[in-house]
Amino acid sequence: MMASLLTALSTLVIGPLSFVGLLAPHIARALGQYKARNQLIVACLVGAILMVAADWFGRTLWFPWQFPAGLMASVVGGGYFLILLRKT
């Protein structure tokens, strides 16, 4: 519970980059990258894909209106974050 509160607080204060920065290394590790160099590269790619997907969904899902990329990144990545919390 404390981890989710601190993550929500950091996302509110700093924005979507902190959420993606917290989530991408865990996704990279789940993809089987355990060495630091490989995990860094995969985490960067996953973070970039997550932000591009969030921006694209925010611009096209409800076309005349646009939603912020941070909101959509929280929606797209939030499900996986909840799965990570359930595992521990």
PDB file of N, CA and C in Angstrom:
ATOM      1  N   MET A   1       0.822  -1.176   0.000  1.00  0.00           N
ATOM      2  CA  MET A   1       0.000   0.000   0.000  1.00  0.00           C
ATOM      3  C   MET A   1       0.875   1.252   0.000  1.00  0.00           C
ATOM      4  N   MET A   2       1.943   1.211   0.770  1.00  0.00           N
ATOM      5  CA  MET A   2       2.840   2.359   0.844  1.00  0.00           C
ATOM      6  C   MET A   2       3.537   2.586  -0.501  1.00  0.00           C
ATOM      7  N   ALA A   3       3.911   1.510  -1.175  1.00  0.00           N
ATOM      8  CA  ALA A   3       4.563   1.652  -2.478  1.00  0.00           C
ATOM      9  C   ALA A   3       3.627   2.290  -3.492  1.00  0.00           C
ATOM     10  N   SER A   4       2.368   1.900  -3.475  1.00  0.00           N
ATOM     11  CA  SER A   4       1.425   2.486  -4.429  1.00  0.00           C
ATOM     12  C   SER A   4       1.154   3.948  -4.102  1.00  0.00           C
ATOM     13  N   LEU A   5       1.105   4.306  -2.831  1.00  0.00           N
ATOM     14  CA  LEU A   5       0.910   5.708  -2.460  1.00  0.00           C
ATOM     15  C   LEU A   5       2.109   6.571  -2.870  1.00  0.00           C
ATOM     16  N   LEU A   6       3.306   6.064  -2.648  1.00  0.00           N
ATOM     17  CA  LEU A   6       4.496   6.820  -3.038  1.00  0.00           C
ATOM     18  C   LEU A   6       4.604   6.952  -4.557  1.00  0.00           C
ATOM     19  N   THR A   7       4.223   5.919  -5.295  1.00  0.00           N
ATOM     20  CA  THR A   7       4.237   5.992  -6.752  1.00  0.00           C
ATOM     21  C   THR A   7       3.210   6.991  -7.251  1.00  0.00           C
ATOM     22  N   ALA A   8       2.025   6.981  -6.671  1.00  0.00           N
ATOM     23  CA  ALA A   8       0.995   7.952  -7.062  1.00  0.00           C
ATOM     24  C   ALA A   8       1.449   9.372  -6.754  1.00  0.00           C
ATOM     25  N   LEU A   9       2.085   9.574  -5.602  1.00  0.00           N
ATOM     26  CA  LEU A   9       2.569  10.898  -5.236  1.00  0.00           C
ATOM     27  C   LEU A   9       3.650  11.379  -6.182  1.00  0.00           C
ATOM     28  N   SER A  10       4.590  10.508  -6.533  1.00  0.00           N
ATOM     29  CA  SER A  10       5.651  10.926  -7.447  1.00  0.00           C
ATOM     30  C   SER A  10       5.105  11.197  -8.843  1.00  0.00           C
ATOM     31  N   THR A  11       4.100  10.440  -9.274  1.00  0.00           N
ATOM     32  CA  THR A  11       3.488  10.694 -10.574  1.00  0.00           C
ATOM     33  C   THR A  11       2.769  12.028 -10.584  1.00  0.00           C
ATOM     34  N   LEU A  12       2.092  12.362  -9.498  1.00  0.00           N
ATOM     35  CA  LEU A  12       1.407  13.652  -9.419  1.00  0.00           C
ATOM     36  C   LEU A  12       2.385  14.820  -9.402  1.00  0.00           C
ATOM     37  N   VAL A  13       3.483  14.679  -8.662  1.00  0.00           N
ATOM     38  CA  VAL A  13       4.423  15.784  -8.505  1.00  0.00           C
ATOM     39  C   VAL A  13       5.270  15.983  -9.756  1.00  0.00           C
ATOM     40  N   ILE A  14       5.832  14.921 -10.280  1.00  0.00           N
ATOM     41  CA  ILE A  14       6.793  15.040 -11.379  1.00  0.00           C
ATOM     42  C   ILE A  14       6.147  14.849 -12.733  1.00  0.00           C
ATOM     43  N   GLY A  15       5.181  13.976 -12.855  1.00  0.00           N
ATOM     44  CA  GLY A  15       4.520  13.758 -14.126  1.00  0.00           C
ATOM     45  C   GLY A  15       4.682  12.344 -14.628  1.00  0.00           C
ATOM     46  N   PRO A  16       4.338  12.123 -15.885  1.00  0.00           N
ATOM     47  CA  PRO A  16       4.330  10.759 -16.411  1.00  0.00           C
ATOM     48  C   PRO A  16       5.712  10.148 -16.561  1.00  0.00           C
ATOM     49  N   LEU A  17       6.739  10.959 -16.665  1.00  0.00           N
ATOM     50  CA  LEU A  17       8.078  10.394 -16.838  1.00  0.00           C
ATOM     51  C   LEU A  17       8.522   9.630 -15.609  1.00  0.00           C
ATOM     52  N   SER A  18       8.119  10.066 -14.439  1.00  0.00           N
ATOM     53  CA  SER A  18       8.491   9.323 -13.240  1.00  0.00           C
ATOM     54  C   SER A  18       7.790   7.969 -13.212  1.00  0.00           C
ATOM     55  N   PHE A  19       6.536   7.929 -13.640  1.00  0.00           N
ATOM     56  CA  PHE A  19       5.809   6.664 -13.673  1.00  0.00           C
ATOM     57  C   PHE A  19       6.447   5.710 -14.665  1.00  0.00           C
ATOM     58  N   VAL A  20       6.762   6.196 -15.833  1.00  0.00           N
ATOM     59  CA  VAL A  20       7.413   5.357 -16.844  1.00  0.00           C
ATOM     60  C   VAL A  20       8.799   4.951 -16.371  1.00  0.00           C
ATOM     61  N   GLY A  21       9.495   5.868 -15.706  1.00  0.00           N
ATOM     62  CA  GLY A  21      10.825   5.553 -15.170  1.00  0.00           C
ATOM     63  C   GLY A  21      10.783   4.493 -14.093  1.00  0.00           C
ATOM     64  N   LEU A  22       9.705   4.442 -13.345  1.00  0.00           N
ATOM     65  CA  LEU A  22       9.568   3.405 -12.326  1.00  0.00           C
ATOM     66  C   LEU A  22       9.102   2.074 -12.916  1.00  0.00           C
ATOM     67  N   LEU A  23       8.325   2.124 -13.962  1.00  0.00           N
ATOM     68  CA  LEU A  23       7.706   0.923 -14.513  1.00  0.00           C
ATOM     69  C   LEU A  23       8.575   0.212 -15.555  1.00  0.00           C
ATOM     70  N   ALA A  24       9.281   0.948 -16.379  1.00  0.00           N
ATOM     71  CA  ALA A  24      10.027   0.359 -17.500  1.00  0.00           C
ATOM     72  C   ALA A  24      11.095  -0.648 -17.064  1.00  0.00           C
ATOM     73  N   PRO A  25      11.887  -0.396 -16.015  1.00  0.00           N
ATOM     74  CA  PRO A  25      12.868  -1.419 -15.621  1.00  0.00           C
ATOM     75  C   PRO A  25      12.227  -2.725 -15.156  1.00  0.00           C
ATOM     76  N   HIS A  26      11.062  -2.638 -14.546  1.00  0.00           N
ATOM     77  CA  HIS A  26      10.383  -3.860 -14.117  1.00  0.00           C
ATOM     78  C   HIS A  26       9.875  -4.644 -15.323  1.00  0.00           C
ATOM     79  N   ILE A  27       9.393  -3.936 -16.328  1.00  0.00           N
ATOM     80  CA  ILE A  27       8.959  -4.619 -17.554  1.00  0.00           C
ATOM     81  C   ILE A  27      10.162  -5.246 -18.257  1.00  0.00           C
ATOM     82  N   ALA A  28      11.286  -4.539 -18.266  1.00  0.00           N
ATOM     83  CA  ALA A  28      12.497  -5.086 -18.895  1.00  0.00           C
ATOM     84  C   ALA A  28      12.958  -6.346 -18.180  1.00  0.00           C
ATOM     85  N   ARG A  29      12.876  -6.347 -16.871  1.00  0.00           N
ATOM     86  CA  ARG A  29      13.259  -7.544 -16.124  1.00  0.00           C
ATOM     87  C   ARG A  29      12.277  -8.680 -16.386  1.00  0.00           C
ATOM     88  N   ALA A  30      10.990  -8.348 -16.511  1.00  0.00           N
ATOM     89  CA  ALA A  30       9.992  -9.377 -16.809  1.00  0.00           C
ATOM     90  C   ALA A  30      10.197  -9.961 -18.205  1.00  0.00           C
ATOM     91  N   LEU A  31      10.814  -9.178 -19.094  1.00  0.00           N
ATOM     92  CA  LEU A  31      11.114  -9.667 -20.439  1.00  0.00           C
ATOM     93  C   LEU A  31      12.393 -10.505 -20.485  1.00  0.00           C
ATOM     94  N   GLY A  32      13.013 -10.727 -19.331  1.00  0.00           N
ATOM     95  CA  GLY A  32      14.160 -11.620 -19.264  1.00  0.00           C
ATOM     96  C   GLY A  32      15.517 -10.943 -19.345  1.00  0.00           C
ATOM     97  N   GLN A  33      15.570  -9.655 -19.145  1.00  0.00           N
ATOM     98  CA  GLN A  33      16.839  -8.924 -19.207  1.00  0.00           C
ATOM     99  C   GLN A  33      17.365  -8.734 -17.781  1.00  0.00           C
ATOM    100  N   TYR A  34      18.431  -9.461 -17.439  1.00  0.00           N
ATOM    101  CA  TYR A  34      18.951  -9.407 -16.076  1.00  0.00           C
ATOM    102  C   TYR A  34      20.297  -8.694 -15.984  1.00  0.00           C
ATOM    103  N   LYS A  35      21.028  -8.610 -17.084  1.00  0.00           N
ATOM    104  CA  LYS A  35      22.286  -7.856 -17.073  1.00  0.00           C
ATOM    105  C   LYS A  35      21.969  -6.371 -17.159  1.00  0.00           C
ATOM    106  N   ALA A  36      22.772  -5.574 -16.479  1.00  0.00           N
ATOM    107  CA  ALA A  36      22.476  -4.139 -16.369  1.00  0.00           C
ATOM    108  C   ALA A  36      22.424  -3.442 -17.722  1.00  0.00           C
ATOM    109  N   ARG A  37      23.365  -3.737 -18.595  1.00  0.00           N
ATOM    110  CA  ARG A  37      23.405  -3.056 -19.897  1.00  0.00           C
ATOM    111  C   ARG A  37      22.179  -3.401 -20.743  1.00  0.00           C
ATOM    112  N   ASN A  38      21.867  -4.681 -20.826  1.00  0.00           N
ATOM    113  CA  ASN A  38      20.706  -5.103 -21.608  1.00  0.00           C
ATOM    114  C   ASN A  38      19.409  -4.577 -20.999  1.00  0.00           C
ATOM    115  N   GLN A  39      19.331  -4.589 -19.670  1.00  0.00           N
ATOM    116  CA  GLN A  39      18.127  -4.094 -19.005  1.00  0.00           C
ATOM    117  C   GLN A  39      17.946  -2.599 -19.242  1.00  0.00           C
ATOM    118  N   LEU A  40      19.035  -1.843 -19.270  1.00  0.00           N
ATOM    119  CA  LEU A  40      18.957  -0.405 -19.534  1.00  0.00           C
ATOM    120  C   LEU A  40      18.449  -0.134 -20.944  1.00  0.00           C
ATOM    121  N   ILE A  41      18.959  -0.866 -21.913  1.00  0.00           N
ATOM    122  CA  ILE A  41      18.542  -0.668 -23.301  1.00  0.00           C
ATOM    123  C   ILE A  41      17.067  -1.029 -23.481  1.00  0.00           C
ATOM    124  N   VAL A  42      16.670  -2.168 -22.946  1.00  0.00           N
ATOM    125  CA  VAL A  42      15.279  -2.607 -23.085  1.00  0.00           C
ATOM    126  C   VAL A  42      14.343  -1.680 -22.308  1.00  0.00           C
ATOM    127  N   ALA A  43      14.763  -1.211 -21.139  1.00  0.00           N
ATOM    128  CA  ALA A  43      13.927  -0.290 -20.361  1.00  0.00           C
ATOM    129  C   ALA A  43      13.733   1.025 -21.103  1.00  0.00           C
ATOM    130  N   CYS A  44      14.768   1.510 -21.771  1.00  0.00           N
ATOM    131  CA  CYS A  44      14.625   2.730 -22.569  1.00  0.00           C
ATOM    132  C   CYS A  44      13.647   2.520 -23.720  1.00  0.00           C
ATOM    133  N   LEU A  45      13.754   1.404 -24.393  1.00  0.00           N
ATOM    134  CA  LEU A  45      12.833   1.113 -25.495  1.00  0.00           C
ATOM    135  C   LEU A  45      11.396   0.937 -25.005  1.00  0.00           C
ATOM    136  N   VAL A  46      11.222   0.235 -23.896  1.00  0.00           N
ATOM    137  CA  VAL A  46       9.885   0.032 -23.347  1.00  0.00           C
ATOM    138  C   VAL A  46       9.282   1.357 -22.909  1.00  0.00           C
ATOM    139  N   GLY A  47      10.082   2.203 -22.258  1.00  0.00           N
ATOM    140  CA  GLY A  47       9.589   3.511 -21.828  1.00  0.00           C
ATOM    141  C   GLY A  47       9.188   4.379 -23.005  1.00  0.00           C
ATOM    142  N   ALA A  48      10.002   4.349 -24.056  1.00  0.00           N
ATOM    143  CA  ALA A  48       9.674   5.134 -25.249  1.00  0.00           C
ATOM    144  C   ALA A  48       8.399   4.622 -25.907  1.00  0.00           C
ATOM    145  N   ILE A  49       8.271   3.316 -26.017  1.00  0.00           N
ATOM    146  CA  ILE A  49       7.067   2.735 -26.621  1.00  0.00           C
ATOM    147  C   ILE A  49       5.837   3.058 -25.779  1.00  0.00           C
ATOM    148  N   LEU A  50       5.979   2.999 -24.462  1.00  0.00           N
ATOM    149  CA  LEU A  50       4.862   3.304 -23.580  1.00  0.00           C
ATOM    150  C   LEU A  50       4.415   4.756 -23.728  1.00  0.00           C
ATOM    151  N   MET A  51       5.353   5.690 -23.802  1.00  0.00           N
ATOM    152  CA  MET A  51       4.990   7.099 -23.935  1.00  0.00           C
ATOM    153  C   MET A  51       4.413   7.398 -25.315  1.00  0.00           C
ATOM    154  N   VAL A  52       4.964   6.800 -26.361  1.00  0.00           N
ATOM    155  CA  VAL A  52       4.420   7.008 -27.713  1.00  0.00           C
ATOM    156  C   VAL A  52       3.020   6.419 -27.811  1.00  0.00           C
ATOM    157  N   ALA A  53       2.825   5.232 -27.246  1.00  0.00           N
ATOM    158  CA  ALA A  53       1.489   4.622 -27.263  1.00  0.00           C
ATOM    159  C   ALA A  53       0.495   5.467 -26.473  1.00  0.00           C
ATOM    160  N   ALA A  54       0.915   5.979 -25.331  1.00  0.00           N
ATOM    161  CA  ALA A  54       0.024   6.810 -24.520  1.00  0.00           C
ATOM    162  C   ALA A  54      -0.333   8.098 -25.254  1.00  0.00           C
ATOM    163  N   ASP A  55       0.634   8.707 -25.908  1.00  0.00           N
ATOM    164  CA  ASP A  55       0.364   9.932 -26.660  1.00  0.00           C
ATOM    165  C   ASP A  55      -0.562   9.650 -27.840  1.00  0.00           C
ATOM    166  N   TRP A  56      -0.310   8.552 -28.538  1.00  0.00           N
ATOM    167  CA  TRP A  56      -1.146   8.202 -29.692  1.00  0.00           C
ATOM    168  C   TRP A  56      -2.576   7.901 -29.256  1.00  0.00           C
ATOM    169  N   PHE A  57      -2.734   7.103 -28.183  1.00  0.00           N
ATOM    170  CA  PHE A  57      -4.081   6.807 -27.680  1.00  0.00           C
ATOM    171  C   PHE A  57      -4.787   8.074 -27.224  1.00  0.00           C
ATOM    172  N   GLY A  58      -4.059   8.955 -26.565  1.00  0.00           N
ATOM    173  CA  GLY A  58      -4.649  10.196 -26.082  1.00  0.00           C
ATOM    174  C   GLY A  58      -5.118  11.117 -27.193  1.00  0.00           C
ATOM    175  N   ARG A  59      -4.446  11.056 -28.328  1.00  0.00           N
ATOM    176  CA  ARG A  59      -4.816  11.914 -29.455  1.00  0.00           C
ATOM    177  C   ARG A  59      -5.884  11.303 -30.356  1.00  0.00           C
ATOM    178  N   THR A  60      -5.967   9.983 -30.442  1.00  0.00           N
ATOM    179  CA  THR A  60      -6.857   9.364 -31.423  1.00  0.00           C
ATOM    180  C   THR A  60      -8.055   8.639 -30.844  1.00  0.00           C
ATOM    181  N   LEU A  61      -8.016   8.271 -29.588  1.00  0.00           N
ATOM    182  CA  LEU A  61      -9.090   7.465 -29.028  1.00  0.00           C
ATOM    183  C   LEU A  61     -10.420   8.212 -29.013  1.00  0.00           C
ATOM    184  N   TRP A  62     -10.424   9.426 -28.507  1.00  0.00           N
ATOM    185  CA  TRP A  62     -11.605  10.288 -28.519  1.00  0.00           C
ATOM    186  C   TRP A  62     -11.250  11.490 -29.367  1.00  0.00           C
ATOM    187  N   PHE A  63     -11.342  11.318 -30.680  1.00  0.00           N
ATOM    188  CA  PHE A  63     -10.684  12.207 -31.638  1.00  0.00           C
ATOM    189  C   PHE A  63     -10.833  13.715 -31.417  1.00  0.00           C
ATOM    190  N   PRO A  64     -11.994  14.300 -31.364  1.00  0.00           N
ATOM    191  CA  PRO A  64     -11.969  15.766 -31.279  1.00  0.00           C
ATOM    192  C   PRO A  64     -11.322  16.278 -29.993  1.00  0.00           C
ATOM    193  N   TRP A  65     -11.326  15.479 -28.959  1.00  0.00           N
ATOM    194  CA  TRP A  65     -10.718  15.875 -27.687  1.00  0.00           C
ATOM    195  C   TRP A  65      -9.409  15.133 -27.504  1.00  0.00           C
ATOM    196  N   GLN A  66      -8.493  15.750 -26.804  1.00  0.00           N
ATOM    197  CA  GLN A  66      -7.205  15.110 -26.535  1.00  0.00           C
ATOM    198  C   GLN A  66      -7.030  14.959 -25.035  1.00  0.00           C
ATOM    199  N   PHE A  67      -6.487  13.832 -24.645  1.00  0.00           N
ATOM    200  CA  PHE A  67      -6.175  13.585 -23.248  1.00  0.00           C
ATOM    201  C   PHE A  67      -4.670  13.686 -23.061  1.00  0.00           C
ATOM    202  N   PRO A  68      -4.217  14.148 -21.916  1.00  0.00           N
ATOM    203  CA  PRO A  68      -2.773  14.270 -21.684  1.00  0.00           C
ATOM    204  C   PRO A  68      -2.069  12.915 -21.746  1.00  0.00           C
ATOM    205  N   ALA A  69      -0.839  12.939 -22.198  1.00  0.00           N
ATOM    206  CA  ALA A  69      -0.068  11.698 -22.308  1.00  0.00           C
ATOM    207  C   ALA A  69       0.159  11.077 -20.939  1.00  0.00           C
ATOM    208  N   GLY A  70       0.286  11.877 -19.905  1.00  0.00           N
ATOM    209  CA  GLY A  70       0.484  11.347 -18.559  1.00  0.00           C
ATOM    210  C   GLY A  70      -0.699  10.544 -18.071  1.00  0.00           C
ATOM    211  N   LEU A  71      -1.889  11.031 -18.356  1.00  0.00           N
ATOM    212  CA  LEU A  71      -3.098  10.300 -17.976  1.00  0.00           C
ATOM    213  C   LEU A  71      -3.166   8.978 -18.711  1.00  0.00           C
ATOM    214  N   MET A  72      -2.888   9.007 -19.997  1.00  0.00           N
ATOM    215  CA  MET A  72      -2.954   7.777 -20.780  1.00  0.00           C
ATOM    216  C   MET A  72      -1.827   6.815 -20.404  1.00  0.00           C
ATOM    217  N   ALA A  73      -0.642   7.331 -20.058  1.00  0.00           N
ATOM    218  CA  ALA A  73       0.449   6.457 -19.614  1.00  0.00           C
ATOM    219  C   ALA A  73       0.075   5.769 -18.315  1.00  0.00           C
ATOM    220  N   SER A  74      -0.624   6.472 -17.448  1.00  0.00           N
ATOM    221  CA  SER A  74      -1.081   5.858 -16.203  1.00  0.00           C
ATOM    222  C   SER A  74      -2.116   4.782 -16.474  1.00  0.00           C
ATOM    223  N   VAL A  75      -2.977   5.005 -17.447  1.00  0.00           N
ATOM    224  CA  VAL A  75      -3.989   4.005 -17.792  1.00  0.00           C
ATOM    225  C   VAL A  75      -3.344   2.797 -18.467  1.00  0.00           C
ATOM    226  N   VAL A  76      -2.443   3.050 -19.416  1.00  0.00           N
ATOM    227  CA  VAL A  76      -1.806   1.952 -20.149  1.00  0.00           C
ATOM    228  C   VAL A  76      -0.883   1.150 -19.235  1.00  0.00           C
ATOM    229  N   GLY A  77      -0.072   1.837 -18.446  1.00  0.00           N
ATOM    230  CA  GLY A  77       0.890   1.145 -17.587  1.00  0.00           C
ATOM    231  C   GLY A  77       0.352   0.773 -16.218  1.00  0.00           C
ATOM    232  N   GLY A  78      -0.766   1.342 -15.836  1.00  0.00           N
ATOM    233  CA  GLY A  78      -1.307   1.085 -14.509  1.00  0.00           C
ATOM    234  C   GLY A  78      -1.727  -0.352 -14.292  1.00  0.00           C
ATOM    235  N   GLY A  79      -2.269  -0.962 -15.335  1.00  0.00           N
ATOM    236  CA  GLY A  79      -2.668  -2.370 -15.228  1.00  0.00           C
ATOM    237  C   GLY A  79      -1.487  -3.271 -14.925  1.00  0.00           C
ATOM    238  N   TYR A  80      -0.398  -3.042 -15.614  1.00  0.00           N
ATOM    239  CA  TYR A  80       0.792  -3.856 -15.370  1.00  0.00           C
ATOM    240  C   TYR A  80       1.356  -3.576 -13.980  1.00  0.00           C
ATOM    241  N   PHE A  81       1.301  -2.324 -13.553  1.00  0.00           N
ATOM    242  CA  PHE A  81       1.792  -1.970 -12.230  1.00  0.00           C
ATOM    243  C   PHE A  81       0.982  -2.684 -11.149  1.00  0.00           C
ATOM    244  N   LEU A  82      -0.326  -2.783 -11.337  1.00  0.00           N
ATOM    245  CA  LEU A  82      -1.155  -3.489 -10.380  1.00  0.00           C
ATOM    246  C   LEU A  82      -0.831  -4.986 -10.353  1.00  0.00           C
ATOM    247  N   ILE A  83      -0.506  -5.540 -11.513  1.00  0.00           N
ATOM    248  CA  ILE A  83      -0.093  -6.953 -11.566  1.00  0.00           C
ATOM    249  C   ILE A  83       1.210  -7.132 -10.794  1.00  0.00           C
ATOM    250  N   LEU A  84       2.135  -6.199 -10.933  1.00  0.00           N
ATOM    251  CA  LEU A  84       3.392  -6.290 -10.175  1.00  0.00           C
ATOM    252  C   LEU A  84       3.136  -6.212  -8.679  1.00  0.00           C
ATOM    253  N   LEU A  85       2.209  -5.378  -8.257  1.00  0.00           N
ATOM    254  CA  LEU A  85       1.910  -5.272  -6.834  1.00  0.00           C
ATOM    255  C   LEU A  85       1.258  -6.557  -6.295  1.00  0.00           C
ATOM    256  N   ARG A  86       0.469  -7.223  -7.122  1.00  0.00           N
ATOM    257  CA  ARG A  86      -0.188  -8.449  -6.686  1.00  0.00           C
ATOM    258  C   ARG A  86       0.808  -9.592  -6.540  1.00  0.00           C
ATOM    259  N   LYS A  87       1.894  -9.562  -7.328  1.00  0.00           N
ATOM    260  CA  LYS A  87       2.889 -10.634  -7.273  1.00  0.00           C
ATOM    261  C   LYS A  87       3.653 -10.623  -5.958  1.00  0.00           C
ATOM    262  N   THR A  88       3.903  -9.444  -5.412  1.00  0.00           N
ATOM    263  CA  THR A  88       4.754  -9.381  -4.214  1.00  0.00           C
ATOM    264  C   THR A  88       4.016  -9.568  -2.946  1.00  0.00           C
TER     265      THR A  88
END
